[in-house]
């Protein structure tokens, strides 16, 4: 059911060129004045129909790795990353022929709430995430930002839950979208492996994904496709954020989600 209801990255693909866009380089021909070669397109990714495409409109197939640490070290109170996160480590990832890195995140650490230490939460956490994303992008790697650990109310986000929570998850994504509005090589994975209705493929589970609220098997008020941030909520943020999965979905869910800004 987790795979059936996998909440796949849907896709924050932003149209502003990043600061690391390639500059034109001078060339000197055999005769005549110095000219400038055309700059290479900046790294970017967007949705075109049912495909991901780059700045030239060519189809992109993501081949990636997961870089854990930012979802748990901060809430456990001992750090930000778990292991190396410098240029050398990023170059090592590239030798595996990956073109994307998924970074799992923690909503409490991003928002600096529920007892997270100041050195590991809030502005410190957001800066660390942004710098790591920009390092990966500069090395030609797309980044998938994933809401991995979350929790409602005053409960610390110390693990995975069945659904994003209405208390903090929308605020988390508004903040993430604002920070990365000018990063066109970043993708948003709205929520990791939802499993409402006790991990069953039922009408109640699908309704929870679409509508949120009070859901069977979810002991708190859930956020939903309709309550998560829309493209119009953040200036410069252009995306389609939707619930999807790796298998066939009920036709009624497809029809309703299409009419409400879903997949």
C-alpha atoms as a PDB file:
ATOM      1  CA  UNK A   1       0.000   0.000   0.000  1.00  0.00           C
ATOM      2  CA  UNK A   2       2.882   2.387   0.713  1.00  0.00           C
ATOM      3  CA  UNK A   3       4.137   1.878  -2.793  1.00  0.00           C
ATOM      4  CA  UNK A   4       0.612   1.987  -4.127  1.00  0.00           C
ATOM      5  CA  UNK A   5       0.119   5.352  -2.499  1.00  0.00           C
ATOM      6  CA  UNK A   6       3.633   6.655  -3.018  1.00  0.00           C
ATOM      7  CA  UNK A   7       3.408  10.423  -3.012  1.00  0.00           C
ATOM      8  CA  UNK A   8       5.811  11.100  -5.840  1.00  0.00           C
ATOM      9  CA  UNK A   9       7.654  14.287  -6.484  1.00  0.00           C
ATOM     10  CA  UNK A  10       5.388  16.548  -8.309  1.00  0.00           C
ATOM     11  CA  UNK A  11       7.177  18.970  -9.458  1.00  0.00           C
ATOM     12  CA  UNK A  12       8.407  22.325  -8.412  1.00  0.00           C
ATOM     13  CA  UNK A  13      10.148  23.453 -11.528  1.00  0.00           C
ATOM     14  CA  UNK A  14      11.035  27.057 -11.333  1.00  0.00           C
ATOM     15  CA  UNK A  15      11.714  29.416 -14.216  1.00  0.00           C
ATOM     16  CA  UNK A  16      14.312  31.835 -12.834  1.00  0.00           C
ATOM     17  CA  UNK A  17      17.918  31.224 -13.860  1.00  0.00           C
ATOM     18  CA  UNK A  18      20.114  30.447 -10.856  1.00  0.00           C
ATOM     19  CA  UNK A  19      23.206  32.351  -9.852  1.00  0.00           C
ATOM     20  CA  UNK A  20      25.422  29.565 -11.120  1.00  0.00           C
ATOM     21  CA  UNK A  21      24.213  29.834 -14.718  1.00  0.00           C
ATOM     22  CA  UNK A  22      27.070  29.482 -17.162  1.00  0.00           C
ATOM     23  CA  UNK A  23      28.679  32.648 -18.434  1.00  0.00           C
ATOM     24  CA  UNK A  24      29.698  33.053 -22.063  1.00  0.00           C
ATOM     25  CA  UNK A  25      33.384  32.351 -22.570  1.00  0.00           C
ATOM     26  CA  UNK A  26      35.566  34.375 -24.943  1.00  0.00           C
ATOM     27  CA  UNK A  27      37.143  32.744 -27.982  1.00  0.00           C
ATOM     28  CA  UNK A  28      39.702  34.170 -30.368  1.00  0.00           C
ATOM     29  CA  UNK A  29      39.252  33.096 -34.019  1.00  0.00           C
ATOM     30  CA  UNK A  30      42.153  32.888 -36.449  1.00  0.00           C
ATOM     31  CA  UNK A  31      41.219  36.285 -37.838  1.00  0.00           C
ATOM     32  CA  UNK A  32      38.891  39.048 -36.830  1.00  0.00           C
ATOM     33  CA  UNK A  33      37.831  40.356 -33.425  1.00  0.00           C
ATOM     34  CA  UNK A  34      37.317  38.326 -30.294  1.00  0.00           C
ATOM     35  CA  UNK A  35      33.873  36.681 -30.161  1.00  0.00           C
ATOM     36  CA  UNK A  36      31.899  34.988 -27.415  1.00  0.00           C
ATOM     37  CA  UNK A  37      30.652  31.416 -27.527  1.00  0.00           C
ATOM     38  CA  UNK A  38      26.996  30.882 -26.652  1.00  0.00           C
ATOM     39  CA  UNK A  39      26.446  30.132 -22.982  1.00  0.00           C
ATOM     40  CA  UNK A  40      25.306  26.614 -22.144  1.00  0.00           C
ATOM     41  CA  UNK A  41      21.721  26.432 -20.819  1.00  0.00           C
ATOM     42  CA  UNK A  42      21.506  26.562 -17.043  1.00  0.00           C
ATOM     43  CA  UNK A  43      20.552  23.343 -15.283  1.00  0.00           C
ATOM     44  CA  UNK A  44      16.775  23.223 -15.049  1.00  0.00           C
ATOM     45  CA  UNK A  45      13.889  20.796 -15.122  1.00  0.00           C
ATOM     46  CA  UNK A  46      10.178  21.252 -15.745  1.00  0.00           C
ATOM     47  CA  UNK A  47       7.030  19.381 -16.653  1.00  0.00           C
ATOM     48  CA  UNK A  48       6.011  19.181 -20.297  1.00  0.00           C
ATOM     49  CA  UNK A  49       2.882  17.087 -20.727  1.00  0.00           C
ATOM     50  CA  UNK A  50       3.683  13.835 -18.943  1.00  0.00           C
ATOM     51  CA  UNK A  51       7.453  14.232 -19.156  1.00  0.00           C
ATOM     52  CA  UNK A  52      10.279  15.973 -17.369  1.00  0.00           C
ATOM     53  CA  UNK A  53      12.359  18.096 -19.720  1.00  0.00           C
ATOM     54  CA  UNK A  54      15.447  20.271 -19.420  1.00  0.00           C
ATOM     55  CA  UNK A  55      16.073  23.841 -20.565  1.00  0.00           C
ATOM     56  CA  UNK A  56      16.357  22.693 -24.206  1.00  0.00           C
ATOM     57  CA  UNK A  57      13.096  20.750 -24.010  1.00  0.00           C
ATOM     58  CA  UNK A  58      14.858  17.371 -24.099  1.00  0.00           C
ATOM     59  CA  UNK A  59      13.396  14.555 -21.984  1.00  0.00           C
ATOM     60  CA  UNK A  60      15.121  13.971 -18.642  1.00  0.00           C
ATOM     61  CA  UNK A  61      15.343  10.558 -17.008  1.00  0.00           C
ATOM     62  CA  UNK A  62      16.303  10.864 -13.350  1.00  0.00           C
ATOM     63  CA  UNK A  63      18.865   8.394 -12.006  1.00  0.00           C
ATOM     64  CA  UNK A  64      19.504   9.212  -8.421  1.00  0.00           C
ATOM     65  CA  UNK A  65      20.564   8.436  -4.899  1.00  0.00           C
ATOM     66  CA  UNK A  66      19.081   9.242  -1.495  1.00  0.00           C
ATOM     67  CA  UNK A  67      21.221  11.347   0.866  1.00  0.00           C
ATOM     68  CA  UNK A  68      19.858  10.744   4.365  1.00  0.00           C
ATOM     69  CA  UNK A  69      20.649  12.721   7.504  1.00  0.00           C
ATOM     70  CA  UNK A  70      18.776  15.999   7.364  1.00  0.00           C
ATOM     71  CA  UNK A  71      15.527  14.280   8.348  1.00  0.00           C
ATOM     72  CA  UNK A  72      16.779  12.841  11.663  1.00  0.00           C
ATOM     73  CA  UNK A  73      20.074  14.275  12.957  1.00  0.00           C
ATOM     74  CA  UNK A  74      18.537  17.657  13.771  1.00  0.00           C
ATOM     75  CA  UNK A  75      15.524  16.350  15.689  1.00  0.00           C
ATOM     76  CA  UNK A  76      17.729  13.895  17.572  1.00  0.00           C
ATOM     77  CA  UNK A  77      19.869  16.840  18.654  1.00  0.00           C
ATOM     78  CA  UNK A  78      23.320  15.853  17.448  1.00  0.00           C
ATOM     79  CA  UNK A  79      23.836  17.503  14.063  1.00  0.00           C
ATOM     80  CA  UNK A  80      22.553  18.341  10.625  1.00  0.00           C
ATOM     81  CA  UNK A  81      24.112  15.877   8.197  1.00  0.00           C
ATOM     82  CA  UNK A  82      25.071  12.267   8.765  1.00  0.00           C
ATOM     83  CA  UNK A  83      28.390  11.854   7.008  1.00  0.00           C
ATOM     84  CA  UNK A  84      30.269  13.961   4.455  1.00  0.00           C
ATOM     85  CA  UNK A  85      28.393  16.563   2.462  1.00  0.00           C
ATOM     86  CA  UNK A  86      31.277  18.455   0.857  1.00  0.00           C
ATOM     87  CA  UNK A  87      32.416  18.838  -2.743  1.00  0.00           C
ATOM     88  CA  UNK A  88      34.449  15.627  -2.645  1.00  0.00           C
ATOM     89  CA  UNK A  89      31.423  13.593  -1.553  1.00  0.00           C
ATOM     90  CA  UNK A  90      29.256  15.146  -4.276  1.00  0.00           C
ATOM     91  CA  UNK A  91      31.849  14.342  -6.913  1.00  0.00           C
ATOM     92  CA  UNK A  92      31.898  10.761  -5.633  1.00  0.00           C
ATOM     93  CA  UNK A  93      28.131  10.565  -6.199  1.00  0.00           C
ATOM     94  CA  UNK A  94      28.627  11.764  -9.760  1.00  0.00           C
ATOM     95  CA  UNK A  95      31.041   8.907 -10.449  1.00  0.00           C
ATOM     96  CA  UNK A  96      28.068   6.561  -9.945  1.00  0.00           C
ATOM     97  CA  UNK A  97      26.472   8.202 -13.025  1.00  0.00           C
ATOM     98  CA  UNK A  98      23.671   9.709 -10.946  1.00  0.00           C
ATOM     99  CA  UNK A  99      22.018  12.894 -12.141  1.00  0.00           C
ATOM    100  CA  UNK A 100      19.741  13.490  -9.124  1.00  0.00           C
ATOM    101  CA  UNK A 101      19.966  13.454  -5.329  1.00  0.00           C
ATOM    102  CA  UNK A 102      16.958  13.170  -3.041  1.00  0.00           C
ATOM    103  CA  UNK A 103      17.264  15.010   0.286  1.00  0.00           C
ATOM    104  CA  UNK A 104      14.763  13.920   2.981  1.00  0.00           C
ATOM    105  CA  UNK A 105      13.733  16.802   5.260  1.00  0.00           C
ATOM    106  CA  UNK A 106      12.154  17.319   8.668  1.00  0.00           C
ATOM    107  CA  UNK A 107       9.354  19.875   9.000  1.00  0.00           C
ATOM    108  CA  UNK A 108      10.090  20.671  12.665  1.00  0.00           C
ATOM    109  CA  UNK A 109      13.729  21.377  11.892  1.00  0.00           C
ATOM    110  CA  UNK A 110      12.848  23.554   8.916  1.00  0.00           C
ATOM    111  CA  UNK A 111      10.322  25.545  10.959  1.00  0.00           C
ATOM    112  CA  UNK A 112      12.431  25.556  14.140  1.00  0.00           C
ATOM    113  CA  UNK A 113       9.648  24.249  16.371  1.00  0.00           C
ATOM    114  CA  UNK A 114       8.912  21.554  18.954  1.00  0.00           C
ATOM    115  CA  UNK A 115      12.173  21.738  20.858  1.00  0.00           C
ATOM    116  CA  UNK A 116      14.685  21.547  18.001  1.00  0.00           C
ATOM    117  CA  UNK A 117      18.006  23.042  19.100  1.00  0.00           C
ATOM    118  CA  UNK A 118      18.675  26.446  17.542  1.00  0.00           C
ATOM    119  CA  UNK A 119      21.980  25.304  16.030  1.00  0.00           C
ATOM    120  CA  UNK A 120      20.177  22.520  14.156  1.00  0.00           C
ATOM    121  CA  UNK A 121      16.811  24.129  13.403  1.00  0.00           C
ATOM    122  CA  UNK A 122      15.171  27.186  11.919  1.00  0.00           C
ATOM    123  CA  UNK A 123      17.545  29.509  10.061  1.00  0.00           C
ATOM    124  CA  UNK A 124      20.554  27.235  10.674  1.00  0.00           C
ATOM    125  CA  UNK A 125      18.772  24.255   9.148  1.00  0.00           C
ATOM    126  CA  UNK A 126      17.379  26.214   6.197  1.00  0.00           C
ATOM    127  CA  UNK A 127      20.804  27.644   5.392  1.00  0.00           C
ATOM    128  CA  UNK A 128      22.413  24.204   5.499  1.00  0.00           C
ATOM    129  CA  UNK A 129      19.770  22.782   3.169  1.00  0.00           C
ATOM    130  CA  UNK A 130      20.074  25.679   0.732  1.00  0.00           C
ATOM    131  CA  UNK A 131      23.877  25.491   0.595  1.00  0.00           C
ATOM    132  CA  UNK A 132      23.852  21.739   0.013  1.00  0.00           C
ATOM    133  CA  UNK A 133      21.232  22.071  -2.732  1.00  0.00           C
ATOM    134  CA  UNK A 134      23.265  24.756  -4.446  1.00  0.00           C
ATOM    135  CA  UNK A 135      26.431  22.653  -4.212  1.00  0.00           C
ATOM    136  CA  UNK A 136      24.636  19.742  -5.868  1.00  0.00           C
ATOM    137  CA  UNK A 137      23.168  21.971  -8.573  1.00  0.00           C
ATOM    138  CA  UNK A 138      26.560  23.509  -9.333  1.00  0.00           C
ATOM    139  CA  UNK A 139      27.884  20.008  -9.940  1.00  0.00           C
ATOM    140  CA  UNK A 140      25.121  19.326 -12.453  1.00  0.00           C
ATOM    141  CA  UNK A 141      22.809  17.316 -10.189  1.00  0.00           C
ATOM    142  CA  UNK A 142      19.069  17.794  -9.906  1.00  0.00           C
ATOM    143  CA  UNK A 143      17.744  17.860  -6.340  1.00  0.00           C
ATOM    144  CA  UNK A 144      14.543  16.319  -4.986  1.00  0.00           C
ATOM    145  CA  UNK A 145      13.425  17.796  -1.663  1.00  0.00           C
ATOM    146  CA  UNK A 146      11.268  15.339   0.256  1.00  0.00           C
ATOM    147  CA  UNK A 147       9.070  15.881   3.323  1.00  0.00           C
ATOM    148  CA  UNK A 148      10.089  12.750   5.204  1.00  0.00           C
ATOM    149  CA  UNK A 149       9.594  13.244   8.964  1.00  0.00           C
ATOM    150  CA  UNK A 150       6.597  15.207  10.219  1.00  0.00           C
ATOM    151  CA  UNK A 151       4.214  15.360  13.178  1.00  0.00           C
ATOM    152  CA  UNK A 152       1.171  17.373  14.259  1.00  0.00           C
ATOM    153  CA  UNK A 153       0.882  19.956  17.020  1.00  0.00           C
ATOM    154  CA  UNK A 154       3.551  19.913  19.717  1.00  0.00           C
ATOM    155  CA  UNK A 155       4.654  16.348  18.952  1.00  0.00           C
ATOM    156  CA  UNK A 156       8.291  16.270  17.766  1.00  0.00           C
ATOM    157  CA  UNK A 157       8.748  14.950  14.229  1.00  0.00           C
ATOM    158  CA  UNK A 158      10.811  11.870  15.111  1.00  0.00           C
ATOM    159  CA  UNK A 159       9.647   9.513  12.376  1.00  0.00           C
ATOM    160  CA  UNK A 160       7.439   8.866   9.385  1.00  0.00           C
ATOM    161  CA  UNK A 161       3.671   9.308   9.611  1.00  0.00           C
ATOM    162  CA  UNK A 162       0.773   8.165   7.424  1.00  0.00           C
ATOM    163  CA  UNK A 163      -0.047  11.620   6.012  1.00  0.00           C
ATOM    164  CA  UNK A 164       1.241  15.199   6.032  1.00  0.00           C
ATOM    165  CA  UNK A 165      -0.289  17.085   8.956  1.00  0.00           C
ATOM    166  CA  UNK A 166      -2.502  20.142   8.606  1.00  0.00           C
ATOM    167  CA  UNK A 167      -0.716  21.860  11.519  1.00  0.00           C
ATOM    168  CA  UNK A 168       2.739  22.274   9.994  1.00  0.00           C
ATOM    169  CA  UNK A 169       3.138  20.633   6.560  1.00  0.00           C
ATOM    170  CA  UNK A 170       1.569  23.454   4.495  1.00  0.00           C
ATOM    171  CA  UNK A 171       3.760  26.017   6.289  1.00  0.00           C
ATOM    172  CA  UNK A 172       6.803  23.820   5.664  1.00  0.00           C
ATOM    173  CA  UNK A 173       6.136  23.718   1.921  1.00  0.00           C
ATOM    174  CA  UNK A 174       5.377  27.417   1.701  1.00  0.00           C
ATOM    175  CA  UNK A 175       8.772  28.066   3.262  1.00  0.00           C
ATOM    176  CA  UNK A 176      10.591  25.589   1.035  1.00  0.00           C
ATOM    177  CA  UNK A 177       8.923  26.996  -2.078  1.00  0.00           C
ATOM    178  CA  UNK A 178       9.891  30.528  -1.099  1.00  0.00           C
ATOM    179  CA  UNK A 179      13.552  29.653  -0.501  1.00  0.00           C
ATOM    180  CA  UNK A 180      13.886  27.673  -3.729  1.00  0.00           C
ATOM    181  CA  UNK A 181      11.780  29.868  -6.017  1.00  0.00           C
ATOM    182  CA  UNK A 182      14.929  30.800  -7.966  1.00  0.00           C
ATOM    183  CA  UNK A 183      16.300  27.252  -8.197  1.00  0.00           C
ATOM    184  CA  UNK A 184      14.985  25.707 -11.441  1.00  0.00           C
ATOM    185  CA  UNK A 185      16.799  22.392 -10.911  1.00  0.00           C
ATOM    186  CA  UNK A 186      14.870  21.535  -7.720  1.00  0.00           C
ATOM    187  CA  UNK A 187      11.918  19.118  -7.538  1.00  0.00           C
ATOM    188  CA  UNK A 188       9.498  18.828  -4.606  1.00  0.00           C
ATOM    189  CA  UNK A 189       8.477  15.402  -3.321  1.00  0.00           C
ATOM    190  CA  UNK A 190       5.380  16.456  -1.382  1.00  0.00           C
ATOM    191  CA  UNK A 191       5.302  13.544   1.079  1.00  0.00           C
ATOM    192  CA  UNK A 192       7.115  10.257   1.501  1.00  0.00           C
ATOM    193  CA  UNK A 193       5.014   7.075   1.191  1.00  0.00           C
ATOM    194  CA  UNK A 194       1.606   7.989   2.649  1.00  0.00           C
ATOM    195  CA  UNK A 195      -0.418   5.150   4.125  1.00  0.00           C
ATOM    196  CA  UNK A 196      -3.847   6.333   5.346  1.00  0.00           C
ATOM    197  CA  UNK A 197      -6.539   3.834   6.386  1.00  0.00           C
ATOM    198  CA  UNK A 198      -3.944   1.528   7.919  1.00  0.00           C
ATOM    199  CA  UNK A 199      -2.060   0.967   4.692  1.00  0.00           C
ATOM    200  CA  UNK A 200      -5.065  -0.282   2.725  1.00  0.00           C
ATOM    201  CA  UNK A 201      -6.114   0.606  -0.812  1.00  0.00           C
ATOM    202  CA  UNK A 202      -9.644   1.745   0.034  1.00  0.00           C
ATOM    203  CA  UNK A 203     -11.978   4.535  -0.970  1.00  0.00           C
ATOM    204  CA  UNK A 204     -11.321   6.106   2.439  1.00  0.00           C
ATOM    205  CA  UNK A 205      -7.571   6.100   1.824  1.00  0.00           C
ATOM    206  CA  UNK A 206      -7.893   7.714  -1.586  1.00  0.00           C
ATOM    207  CA  UNK A 207     -10.344  10.279  -0.239  1.00  0.00           C
ATOM    208  CA  UNK A 208      -7.850  11.164   2.497  1.00  0.00           C
ATOM    209  CA  UNK A 209      -5.133  11.774  -0.092  1.00  0.00           C
ATOM    210  CA  UNK A 210      -7.377  14.137  -2.005  1.00  0.00           C
ATOM    211  CA  UNK A 211      -9.293  15.871   0.778  1.00  0.00           C
ATOM    212  CA  UNK A 212      -7.261  15.397   3.980  1.00  0.00           C
ATOM    213  CA  UNK A 213      -9.046  16.255   7.205  1.00  0.00           C
ATOM    214  CA  UNK A 214     -10.193  13.497   9.558  1.00  0.00           C
ATOM    215  CA  UNK A 215      -9.068  10.213   8.022  1.00  0.00           C
ATOM    216  CA  UNK A 216      -9.303   6.602   9.046  1.00  0.00           C
ATOM    217  CA  UNK A 217      -5.960   5.359  10.365  1.00  0.00           C
ATOM    218  CA  UNK A 218      -4.549   8.885  10.800  1.00  0.00           C
ATOM    219  CA  UNK A 219      -4.615  10.100  14.431  1.00  0.00           C
ATOM    220  CA  UNK A 220      -4.492  13.810  13.550  1.00  0.00           C
ATOM    221  CA  UNK A 221      -5.950  16.211  10.986  1.00  0.00           C
ATOM    222  CA  UNK A 222      -4.259  15.500   7.660  1.00  0.00           C
ATOM    223  CA  UNK A 223      -3.192  17.984   5.026  1.00  0.00           C
ATOM    224  CA  UNK A 224      -4.227  17.181   1.479  1.00  0.00           C
ATOM    225  CA  UNK A 225      -3.681  17.991  -2.160  1.00  0.00           C
ATOM    226  CA  UNK A 226      -6.152  20.823  -1.703  1.00  0.00           C
ATOM    227  CA  UNK A 227      -4.513  22.310   1.409  1.00  0.00           C
ATOM    228  CA  UNK A 228      -0.879  22.165   0.295  1.00  0.00           C
ATOM    229  CA  UNK A 229       0.519  25.344  -1.322  1.00  0.00           C
ATOM    230  CA  UNK A 230      -0.553  26.120  -4.887  1.00  0.00           C
ATOM    231  CA  UNK A 231       1.587  27.890  -7.537  1.00  0.00           C
ATOM    232  CA  UNK A 232      -0.192  31.168  -6.841  1.00  0.00           C
ATOM    233  CA  UNK A 233       0.805  31.203  -3.173  1.00  0.00           C
ATOM    234  CA  UNK A 234       4.464  32.087  -3.708  1.00  0.00           C
ATOM    235  CA  UNK A 235       5.725  34.748  -6.113  1.00  0.00           C
ATOM    236  CA  UNK A 236       7.914  33.177  -8.771  1.00  0.00           C
ATOM    237  CA  UNK A 237       6.964  29.653  -7.747  1.00  0.00           C
ATOM    238  CA  UNK A 238       5.564  27.672 -10.662  1.00  0.00           C
ATOM    239  CA  UNK A 239       4.737  24.051 -10.002  1.00  0.00           C
ATOM    240  CA  UNK A 240       2.223  21.249 -10.124  1.00  0.00           C
ATOM    241  CA  UNK A 241       2.043  19.587  -6.726  1.00  0.00           C
ATOM    242  CA  UNK A 242      -0.106  16.464  -6.687  1.00  0.00           C
ATOM    243  CA  UNK A 243      -0.601  13.078  -5.180  1.00  0.00           C
ATOM    244  CA  UNK A 244       0.327  10.149  -7.413  1.00  0.00           C
ATOM    245  CA  UNK A 245       1.466   6.556  -7.147  1.00  0.00           C
ATOM    246  CA  UNK A 246       3.164   3.766  -9.002  1.00  0.00           C
ATOM    247  CA  UNK A 247       0.017   1.854  -9.927  1.00  0.00           C
ATOM    248  CA  UNK A 248      -3.455   2.458 -11.309  1.00  0.00           C
ATOM    249  CA  UNK A 249      -5.626   4.875  -9.365  1.00  0.00           C
ATOM    250  CA  UNK A 250      -9.404   4.800  -9.076  1.00  0.00           C
ATOM    251  CA  UNK A 251     -11.032   6.658 -11.955  1.00  0.00           C
ATOM    252  CA  UNK A 252     -13.053   8.785  -9.544  1.00  0.00           C
ATOM    253  CA  UNK A 253      -9.883   9.958  -7.813  1.00  0.00           C
ATOM    254  CA  UNK A 254      -8.268  10.811 -11.146  1.00  0.00           C
ATOM    255  CA  UNK A 255     -11.301  12.777 -12.301  1.00  0.00           C
ATOM    256  CA  UNK A 256     -11.673  14.728  -9.076  1.00  0.00           C
ATOM    257  CA  UNK A 257      -7.993  15.456  -8.602  1.00  0.00           C
ATOM    258  CA  UNK A 258      -7.719  16.714 -12.165  1.00  0.00           C
ATOM    259  CA  UNK A 259     -10.521  19.162 -11.534  1.00  0.00           C
ATOM    260  CA  UNK A 260      -8.950  20.426  -8.292  1.00  0.00           C
ATOM    261  CA  UNK A 261      -5.372  20.976  -9.421  1.00  0.00           C
ATOM    262  CA  UNK A 262      -4.139  17.426  -8.954  1.00  0.00           C
ATOM    263  CA  UNK A 263      -2.299  15.141 -11.365  1.00  0.00           C
END
